[in-house]
Protein backbone atom coordinates (compact mmCIF):
# COMPACT_ATOMS: atom_id res chain seq x y z
CA MET A 1 -98.52 -59.20 4.09
CA ASP A 2 -99.29 -56.77 6.88
CA SER A 3 -101.74 -54.17 5.60
CA HIS A 4 -99.66 -51.40 7.17
CA ALA A 5 -96.30 -52.60 5.87
CA LYS A 6 -96.31 -50.30 2.85
CA ASP A 7 -96.11 -47.30 5.15
CA THR A 8 -92.65 -48.30 6.39
CA GLY A 9 -90.50 -48.29 3.26
CA SER A 10 -89.40 -46.19 0.33
CA ALA A 11 -87.23 -46.97 -2.69
CA LEU A 12 -83.56 -46.28 -3.18
CA PRO A 13 -82.84 -44.54 -6.51
CA ARG A 14 -82.89 -47.19 -9.21
CA ARG A 15 -79.35 -48.31 -9.67
CA ARG A 16 -77.68 -51.63 -9.33
CA PHE A 17 -75.79 -51.97 -6.09
CA CYS A 18 -75.08 -55.70 -6.22
CA ARG A 19 -73.21 -56.29 -9.47
CA ASP A 20 -72.18 -59.72 -8.33
CA LEU A 21 -73.91 -61.65 -5.59
CA ALA A 22 -71.68 -64.67 -6.07
CA GLY A 23 -70.25 -63.71 -2.72
CA LEU A 24 -73.63 -63.28 -1.09
CA VAL A 25 -73.44 -63.86 2.61
CA ALA A 26 -76.61 -65.01 4.25
CA GLY A 27 -76.61 -62.83 7.30
CA SER A 28 -75.46 -62.93 10.84
CA VAL A 29 -75.12 -65.70 13.33
CA CYS A 30 -74.19 -63.07 15.90
CA ALA A 31 -76.72 -60.36 15.71
CA GLY A 32 -76.79 -57.64 13.14
CA ALA A 33 -75.77 -58.25 9.64
CA LEU A 34 -72.87 -60.65 9.59
CA PRO A 35 -69.73 -59.02 8.25
CA ALA A 36 -69.15 -60.91 5.02
CA SER A 37 -65.72 -61.75 6.40
CA GLU A 38 -67.32 -64.48 8.51
CA ALA A 39 -67.60 -66.57 5.37
CA MET A 40 -63.81 -66.65 5.17
CA ALA A 41 -63.21 -69.02 8.08
CA GLN A 42 -65.60 -71.65 9.35
CA PRO A 43 -65.49 -73.75 12.51
CA ALA A 44 -64.69 -77.40 11.93
CA ASP A 45 -67.61 -78.83 13.88
CA THR A 46 -70.85 -77.62 12.30
CA ASN A 47 -72.43 -80.98 11.47
CA ARG A 48 -73.30 -82.47 14.83
CA ASP A 49 -76.41 -84.64 14.64
CA GLY A 50 -76.98 -83.58 11.04
CA ARG A 51 -77.47 -79.93 11.95
CA GLN A 52 -75.21 -78.80 9.17
CA GLU A 53 -74.58 -75.11 8.68
CA ALA A 54 -76.09 -73.76 5.47
CA PRO A 55 -73.60 -72.48 2.90
CA LYS A 56 -72.83 -68.79 3.24
CA VAL A 57 -71.70 -68.34 -0.37
CA MET A 58 -74.45 -68.21 -2.99
CA PRO A 59 -73.33 -69.36 -6.47
CA GLN A 60 -75.97 -67.50 -8.51
CA PRO A 61 -75.72 -63.73 -9.00
CA ASN A 62 -78.59 -61.28 -8.55
CA ILE A 63 -80.48 -63.29 -5.96
CA PRO A 64 -82.92 -61.05 -4.03
CA TYR A 65 -82.58 -61.04 -0.28
CA PHE A 66 -84.63 -60.11 2.76
CA ALA A 67 -83.76 -57.40 5.26
CA TYR A 68 -84.97 -57.81 8.84
CA VAL A 69 -85.07 -54.60 10.86
CA GLY A 70 -85.49 -54.43 14.62
CA SER A 71 -86.77 -51.18 16.17
CA ARG A 72 -87.27 -49.80 19.64
CA THR A 73 -90.91 -49.34 20.60
CA THR A 74 -91.28 -48.08 24.17
CA ARG A 75 -92.08 -44.66 25.58
CA GLU A 76 -89.22 -45.04 28.08
CA ARG A 77 -86.85 -45.04 25.10
CA ASN A 78 -88.72 -42.18 23.42
CA ALA A 79 -89.16 -44.64 20.59
CA ARG A 80 -91.39 -44.52 17.53
CA GLY A 81 -90.83 -48.03 16.18
CA ASP A 82 -93.56 -50.46 15.15
CA GLY A 83 -91.61 -53.61 16.02
CA LEU A 84 -89.89 -56.08 13.70
CA SER A 85 -90.06 -55.28 9.97
CA VAL A 86 -89.28 -57.46 6.96
CA TYR A 87 -88.28 -56.05 3.55
CA ARG A 88 -87.52 -57.72 0.24
CA VAL A 89 -84.45 -56.21 -1.41
CA ASP A 90 -84.06 -56.31 -5.19
CA PRO A 91 -80.31 -56.17 -5.89
CA ALA A 92 -80.80 -55.19 -9.55
CA ALA A 93 -83.14 -52.25 -8.90
CA ALA A 94 -81.76 -51.56 -5.40
CA THR A 95 -85.20 -51.20 -3.83
CA TRP A 96 -86.52 -52.20 -0.42
CA THR A 97 -90.15 -53.40 -0.54
CA PRO A 98 -92.06 -53.89 2.75
CA VAL A 99 -93.20 -57.49 3.34
CA GLN A 100 -94.32 -57.78 6.98
CA VAL A 101 -94.41 -55.87 10.25
CA LEU A 102 -94.76 -57.67 13.59
CA ARG A 103 -96.20 -54.99 15.83
CA ASP A 104 -96.83 -56.88 19.07
CA LEU A 105 -93.18 -57.02 20.08
CA VAL A 106 -91.51 -54.84 22.72
CA ASN A 107 -88.14 -53.40 21.69
CA PRO A 108 -87.02 -56.13 19.26
CA SER A 109 -83.46 -54.88 19.15
CA PHE A 110 -80.69 -57.28 18.16
CA LEU A 111 -81.39 -60.18 15.81
CA SER A 112 -79.62 -63.38 14.78
CA PHE A 113 -80.27 -66.30 12.43
CA ASP A 114 -79.52 -69.86 13.35
CA ARG A 115 -76.71 -71.35 11.28
CA GLN A 116 -79.08 -73.00 8.83
CA ARG A 117 -80.96 -69.71 8.44
CA ARG A 118 -84.30 -71.38 9.09
CA PHE A 119 -85.01 -69.46 12.31
CA LEU A 120 -84.63 -65.93 13.64
CA TYR A 121 -83.91 -65.04 17.25
CA VAL A 122 -84.69 -61.64 18.77
CA VAL A 123 -83.74 -60.13 22.12
CA HIS A 124 -86.09 -57.59 23.69
CA GLY A 125 -84.21 -54.51 24.91
CA ASP A 126 -84.94 -53.33 28.47
CA ARG A 127 -86.88 -56.55 29.07
CA SER A 128 -85.85 -60.07 30.10
CA GLU A 129 -86.89 -62.17 27.11
CA ILE A 130 -85.68 -63.66 23.86
CA SER A 131 -88.09 -64.80 21.12
CA ALA A 132 -87.79 -67.39 18.34
CA PHE A 133 -89.40 -67.24 14.88
CA ARG A 134 -89.61 -69.59 11.93
CA ILE A 135 -88.65 -68.05 8.56
CA ASP A 136 -90.61 -68.76 5.40
CA PRO A 137 -87.77 -69.13 2.85
CA LYS A 138 -89.89 -67.93 -0.07
CA SER A 139 -91.81 -65.01 1.39
CA GLY A 140 -89.38 -64.09 4.16
CA GLU A 141 -92.28 -63.81 6.61
CA LEU A 142 -91.88 -64.78 10.24
CA THR A 143 -93.98 -67.09 12.40
CA PHE A 144 -93.65 -66.91 16.17
CA LEU A 145 -92.37 -70.09 17.86
CA ASN A 146 -91.82 -69.29 21.52
CA GLN A 147 -90.29 -66.94 24.06
CA GLU A 148 -88.01 -67.63 27.03
CA SER A 149 -86.48 -65.69 29.91
CA THR A 150 -82.86 -64.57 29.63
CA GLY A 151 -82.40 -64.74 33.39
CA GLY A 152 -81.56 -61.04 33.57
CA LYS A 153 -82.48 -57.59 32.34
CA ASN A 154 -81.87 -55.78 29.05
CA PRO A 155 -80.39 -58.43 26.74
CA VAL A 156 -78.55 -56.39 24.11
CA HIS A 157 -76.93 -58.86 21.71
CA LEU A 158 -76.81 -62.58 20.89
CA CYS A 159 -74.93 -65.21 18.91
CA ILE A 160 -75.42 -68.85 17.97
CA ASP A 161 -72.71 -71.42 18.74
CA PRO A 162 -71.09 -73.45 15.91
CA THR A 163 -73.11 -76.59 16.71
CA ASN A 164 -76.37 -74.65 16.25
CA ARG A 165 -77.52 -75.90 19.65
CA PHE A 166 -77.15 -72.82 21.86
CA VAL A 167 -77.72 -69.07 21.87
CA ILE A 168 -75.40 -66.94 24.01
CA LEU A 169 -76.39 -63.43 25.06
CA PRO A 170 -75.37 -60.62 27.45
CA ASN A 171 -77.77 -59.21 30.03
CA HIS A 172 -76.52 -55.63 30.03
CA VAL A 173 -78.11 -54.28 33.20
CA THR A 174 -77.81 -57.38 35.40
CA SER A 175 -74.19 -58.09 34.45
CA SER A 176 -74.44 -61.66 33.20
CA LEU A 177 -74.05 -63.96 30.21
CA ALA A 178 -76.93 -66.34 29.49
CA VAL A 179 -77.03 -69.55 27.47
CA LEU A 180 -80.25 -71.12 26.18
CA PRO A 181 -80.57 -74.36 24.20
CA ILE A 182 -82.12 -74.47 20.72
CA GLY A 183 -84.35 -77.41 19.79
CA GLU A 184 -84.42 -79.21 16.45
CA ASP A 185 -87.63 -77.31 15.68
CA GLY A 186 -85.94 -73.96 16.37
CA ALA A 187 -87.75 -73.36 19.65
CA LEU A 188 -85.79 -72.09 22.64
CA GLY A 189 -85.37 -74.13 25.80
CA LYS A 190 -85.01 -73.00 29.38
CA LEU A 191 -81.86 -71.24 30.53
CA CYS A 192 -78.97 -73.69 30.90
CA ASP A 193 -76.23 -71.35 32.12
CA LEU A 194 -76.01 -67.90 33.68
CA VAL A 195 -72.54 -66.47 34.33
CA PRO A 196 -72.10 -63.25 36.32
CA LEU A 197 -69.36 -60.84 35.28
CA THR A 198 -67.30 -59.16 37.97
CA GLY A 199 -64.36 -56.79 38.22
CA LYS A 200 -63.29 -53.24 38.93
CA ILE A 201 -65.78 -50.79 37.46
CA GLY A 202 -64.70 -47.81 35.36
CA PRO A 203 -64.64 -44.18 36.54
CA HIS A 204 -67.67 -42.84 34.62
CA ARG A 205 -70.15 -41.89 37.33
CA VAL A 206 -73.25 -42.50 35.20
CA GLU A 207 -72.38 -45.15 32.62
CA GLN A 208 -70.14 -47.43 34.68
CA PRO A 209 -71.96 -48.20 37.94
CA PHE A 210 -71.52 -51.98 37.51
CA PRO A 211 -70.39 -54.53 34.89
CA LYS A 212 -72.22 -53.99 31.58
CA PRO A 213 -71.56 -56.71 28.98
CA HIS A 214 -72.65 -55.34 25.61
CA GLN A 215 -72.03 -58.08 23.04
CA THR A 216 -71.28 -61.76 22.48
CA MET A 217 -69.22 -62.22 19.30
CA LEU A 218 -67.61 -65.39 17.97
CA ASP A 219 -64.15 -65.30 16.44
CA GLN A 220 -63.80 -66.57 12.86
CA THR A 221 -63.35 -70.20 13.96
CA GLY A 222 -66.25 -70.17 16.41
CA ARG A 223 -64.00 -71.45 19.21
CA PHE A 224 -64.01 -68.28 21.28
CA ILE A 225 -66.65 -65.76 22.38
CA ALA A 226 -65.54 -62.17 22.91
CA VAL A 227 -67.57 -60.07 25.35
CA PRO A 228 -66.90 -56.30 25.49
CA ASP A 229 -67.95 -54.95 28.89
CA LYS A 230 -68.72 -51.23 28.97
CA GLY A 231 -68.78 -51.06 32.76
CA LEU A 232 -65.47 -52.82 33.43
CA ASP A 233 -63.39 -51.37 30.57
CA ARG A 234 -62.53 -54.93 29.59
CA THR A 235 -63.26 -57.36 26.76
CA PHE A 236 -63.58 -60.89 28.13
CA VAL A 237 -63.03 -64.11 26.19
CA PHE A 238 -65.09 -67.25 26.87
CA ARG A 239 -65.42 -70.77 25.54
CA LEU A 240 -68.64 -72.78 25.40
CA ASP A 241 -68.80 -76.51 26.15
CA PRO A 242 -71.00 -77.81 23.29
CA ALA A 243 -71.98 -80.88 25.31
CA THR A 244 -73.28 -79.03 28.36
CA GLY A 245 -73.93 -75.46 27.19
CA LYS A 246 -71.73 -74.13 29.99
CA LEU A 247 -69.45 -71.12 29.60
CA ALA A 248 -65.90 -70.85 30.91
CA ALA A 249 -63.70 -67.76 30.90
CA VAL A 250 -60.36 -68.05 29.11
CA GLU A 251 -57.82 -66.98 31.70
CA GLY A 252 -55.34 -64.33 30.61
CA ALA A 253 -57.14 -63.69 27.31
CA ALA A 254 -59.07 -60.50 28.12
CA ALA A 255 -58.18 -57.13 26.60
CA GLU A 256 -57.99 -54.22 29.02
CA ALA A 257 -59.15 -50.80 27.81
CA ARG A 258 -58.24 -47.35 29.03
CA GLU A 259 -60.20 -46.19 32.07
CA GLY A 260 -63.54 -44.77 31.01
CA ALA A 261 -63.29 -46.06 27.43
CA GLY A 262 -66.41 -48.24 27.66
CA PRO A 263 -65.86 -51.17 25.21
CA ARG A 264 -69.09 -51.77 23.33
CA HIS A 265 -68.65 -54.00 20.25
CA ILE A 266 -65.89 -56.05 18.64
CA ALA A 267 -65.32 -57.21 15.04
CA PHE A 268 -62.80 -59.84 13.96
CA HIS A 269 -60.64 -59.51 10.85
CA PRO A 270 -61.24 -62.20 8.15
CA SER A 271 -57.72 -63.54 8.78
CA ASN A 272 -58.61 -64.00 12.47
CA ARG A 273 -55.24 -62.42 13.31
CA PHE A 274 -56.73 -59.11 14.47
CA ALA A 275 -59.82 -57.75 16.16
CA TYR A 276 -61.20 -54.23 16.50
CA ILE A 277 -63.07 -52.92 19.53
CA VAL A 278 -65.20 -49.79 19.41
CA ASN A 279 -65.22 -47.94 22.72
CA GLU A 280 -68.48 -46.10 23.31
CA LEU A 281 -67.66 -43.61 26.02
CA ASP A 282 -64.44 -42.08 24.67
CA SER A 283 -65.27 -42.68 20.97
CA THR A 284 -62.14 -44.66 20.14
CA VAL A 285 -61.25 -47.85 18.27
CA THR A 286 -58.77 -50.33 19.75
CA THR A 287 -56.77 -52.59 17.45
CA CYS A 288 -55.90 -55.98 18.96
CA ARG A 289 -53.73 -58.85 17.89
CA PHE A 290 -55.69 -62.07 18.28
CA ASP A 291 -54.08 -65.40 19.16
CA ALA A 292 -56.53 -67.84 17.57
CA GLU A 293 -54.99 -70.79 19.43
CA ALA A 294 -55.13 -69.33 22.92
CA GLY A 295 -58.02 -66.91 22.34
CA ARG A 296 -55.93 -64.02 23.65
CA LEU A 297 -56.65 -60.39 22.70
CA THR A 298 -53.65 -58.03 22.90
CA PRO A 299 -54.27 -54.30 22.34
CA ILE A 300 -51.68 -52.65 20.08
CA GLN A 301 -53.28 -49.35 19.00
CA VAL A 302 -55.96 -46.84 20.00
CA LEU A 303 -57.37 -44.28 17.54
CA SER A 304 -60.13 -41.72 17.83
CA ALA A 305 -63.29 -42.53 15.89
CA LEU A 306 -63.81 -38.76 15.51
CA PRO A 307 -61.97 -36.16 13.40
CA ASP A 308 -59.69 -33.91 15.43
CA SER A 309 -61.73 -30.87 14.36
CA PHE A 310 -64.83 -32.11 16.19
CA VAL A 311 -65.10 -30.65 19.70
CA GLY A 312 -68.67 -31.65 20.64
CA ASN A 313 -70.11 -34.64 22.47
CA SER A 314 -70.38 -37.98 20.71
CA ARG A 315 -70.48 -41.68 21.50
CA ALA A 316 -69.35 -44.54 19.31
CA ALA A 317 -71.77 -47.37 18.56
CA GLU A 318 -71.09 -50.00 15.89
CA ILE A 319 -68.02 -51.50 14.22
CA ALA A 320 -67.49 -53.80 11.22
CA VAL A 321 -64.69 -55.10 9.01
CA SER A 322 -65.10 -55.35 5.24
CA ALA A 323 -65.04 -58.80 3.62
CA SER A 324 -61.72 -57.95 1.99
CA GLY A 325 -60.23 -57.14 5.38
CA ARG A 326 -58.93 -53.86 3.97
CA PHE A 327 -61.27 -51.50 5.83
CA VAL A 328 -62.86 -51.01 9.25
CA TYR A 329 -65.94 -48.85 9.85
CA ALA A 330 -67.27 -47.34 13.09
CA SER A 331 -70.31 -45.17 13.75
CA ASN A 332 -70.53 -42.01 15.88
CA ARG A 333 -73.70 -40.82 17.61
CA GLY A 334 -73.39 -37.05 18.06
CA HIS A 335 -70.97 -36.45 15.23
CA GLU A 336 -73.58 -38.42 13.18
CA SER A 337 -71.00 -40.12 11.01
CA VAL A 338 -69.39 -43.37 9.94
CA ALA A 339 -65.62 -43.36 10.25
CA ALA A 340 -63.59 -45.38 7.73
CA PHE A 341 -60.15 -46.79 8.48
CA ALA A 342 -57.64 -48.50 6.21
CA VAL A 343 -56.09 -51.71 7.55
CA ASP A 344 -52.38 -52.48 7.29
CA GLU A 345 -52.37 -56.06 6.03
CA ALA A 346 -49.17 -57.01 7.84
CA THR A 347 -49.75 -55.42 11.24
CA GLY A 348 -53.52 -54.92 11.43
CA ARG A 349 -53.00 -51.29 12.44
CA LEU A 350 -55.50 -48.68 11.28
CA THR A 351 -55.14 -45.38 9.45
CA PRO A 352 -58.11 -42.95 9.22
CA ALA A 353 -59.59 -42.84 5.71
CA GLY A 354 -62.34 -40.26 6.30
CA TRP A 355 -65.72 -39.59 7.87
CA GLN A 356 -69.09 -39.78 6.11
CA PRO A 357 -72.18 -37.99 7.51
CA THR A 358 -74.97 -40.54 7.93
CA GLY A 359 -77.76 -38.34 6.60
CA GLY A 360 -79.69 -38.71 9.84
CA ARG A 361 -79.47 -38.70 13.63
CA THR A 362 -77.99 -41.28 16.00
CA PRO A 363 -76.46 -44.01 13.81
CA ARG A 364 -76.78 -46.72 16.42
CA PHE A 365 -76.20 -49.51 13.93
CA PHE A 366 -74.99 -50.14 10.39
CA ALA A 367 -74.52 -53.21 8.21
CA LEU A 368 -72.63 -54.00 5.04
CA SER A 369 -74.74 -55.48 2.24
CA PRO A 370 -74.29 -59.17 1.40
CA ALA A 371 -72.11 -58.23 -1.57
CA ASP A 372 -70.15 -55.82 0.67
CA ASP A 373 -70.68 -52.94 -1.77
CA VAL A 374 -73.29 -50.91 0.13
CA LEU A 375 -73.26 -49.88 3.77
CA PHE A 376 -76.71 -49.36 5.31
CA VAL A 377 -77.00 -47.08 8.35
CA ALA A 378 -79.87 -47.33 10.84
CA ASN A 379 -80.39 -43.76 12.09
CA GLU A 380 -82.34 -44.37 15.30
CA ASP A 381 -83.54 -40.82 15.99
CA SER A 382 -84.39 -39.75 12.43
CA ASP A 383 -86.34 -42.94 11.72
CA ASP A 384 -84.61 -43.93 8.52
CA ILE A 385 -82.18 -46.36 6.91
CA VAL A 386 -79.72 -44.75 4.50
CA GLY A 387 -77.52 -46.48 1.93
CA PHE A 388 -73.92 -45.62 1.02
CA ARG A 389 -71.91 -47.02 -1.89
CA VAL A 390 -68.58 -48.50 -0.74
CA ASP A 391 -65.56 -47.81 -2.91
CA PRO A 392 -63.68 -51.15 -2.99
CA ASP A 393 -60.32 -49.44 -3.52
CA THR A 394 -60.45 -46.62 -1.01
CA GLY A 395 -63.21 -47.73 1.40
CA THR A 396 -64.87 -44.31 1.13
CA LEU A 397 -68.66 -44.01 1.23
CA THR A 398 -70.94 -42.22 -1.24
CA PRO A 399 -74.58 -41.47 -0.27
CA LEU A 400 -77.26 -43.29 -2.26
CA GLY A 401 -80.29 -42.01 -0.34
CA THR A 402 -82.90 -43.36 2.03
CA VAL A 403 -83.95 -46.96 1.38
CA ALA A 404 -86.56 -47.26 4.16
CA ARG A 405 -88.37 -45.11 6.69
CA THR A 406 -89.16 -46.88 9.92
CA GLY A 407 -89.35 -45.69 13.51
CA SER A 408 -86.29 -46.02 15.76
CA PRO A 409 -84.34 -48.69 13.80
CA VAL A 410 -81.54 -50.32 15.79
CA CYS A 411 -80.56 -53.49 13.91
CA ILE A 412 -80.48 -54.82 10.31
CA LEU A 413 -80.02 -58.44 9.25
CA PHE A 414 -79.86 -59.87 5.72
CA ASN A 415 -80.90 -63.27 4.32
CA PRO A 416 -81.15 -64.45 0.68
CA VAL A 417 -84.50 -65.47 -0.75
CA GLY A 418 -84.92 -69.25 -0.60
CA SER A 419 -82.27 -69.88 2.04
CA GLY A 420 -83.03 -72.23 4.90
CA GLN A 421 -85.06 -74.68 2.80
CA ALA A 422 -84.91 -78.36 3.55
CA ARG A 423 -81.86 -80.10 2.07
CA THR A 424 -81.44 -83.73 1.07
């Protein structure tokens, strides 16, 4: 354990927030904590060459899990982060205990597990690298494997393909999508594809000077990769050839946003019939119908992520769908809130269900707990992670307090203790 790790965490008030971890989801394969809904639909081909995806549903209740937190570290970002932190979370006592801090990393922002949850991959914001780590399944500690170039600047997200052979990521500043192979030992190989994004840029004079892909997110089957582009006001759809690692755009499948909206992130509904795009620049959420056969996104609704009484400046950041598919959440930087929306089961359309202050500044990221009953907000500019109880009937959030204090947190990823061990 890092000797300084104890300085980075504090305990949530002692109360049980995971009454039943039978539905424990092991964490994301596409950066950030995987919405538990991703356990609802699995791609058919996840067993190529014996690289079988680990189960996402844990049968035993009350299994502790690890939280991995990426933080910004550079002076250019006015950051105060130490690097990549590991916590052990006790679901019965609801406490976060520091385990490890890797301090020699620059801006470890978005994180993703491989599909067997044996390895962790980290993109370095404002840089041009991605790093690979081996996970100790018992202690949760990380061991560095290697680092490779992303072929561009400022990689901001990442996801792992269904075969567990490739990582796909967006280079935000150099307007490209990169693909790197993953070896059997978890190490990254050299870049195998680099696809530039082009199109008509949006009207925002500062934020839309060129294409700015902001995320790579798989649909629930793993067949399609959605790529919201903040600069082009468009969400692209791609497919990956698992034999070659080459990307191809799906013609006619992209969702067009309003001018100046700035699509940032997308989350798919557990049914795979709908998807929700959070637009950063105008603080809205777009509801889309999703054709899972063709990969086509069709916008059907746009709602503000802000209450109509708010007249200040704010930008939207993160979006997630609950495991039940009944609620959508989006965060607002400026209003310093998480918006909750109720989902119409038949149409996918949203209705505002309220706004919860995040208890801190700049909620760049949030993640639902593995049991989907607590929402954890990473407040980047107040250096804390705050927990909120999720009401399963109404979707409303109730503050539980600060679970950890760490500088400039921007991503949280969860993984159960003991996952990723060798299987026979």
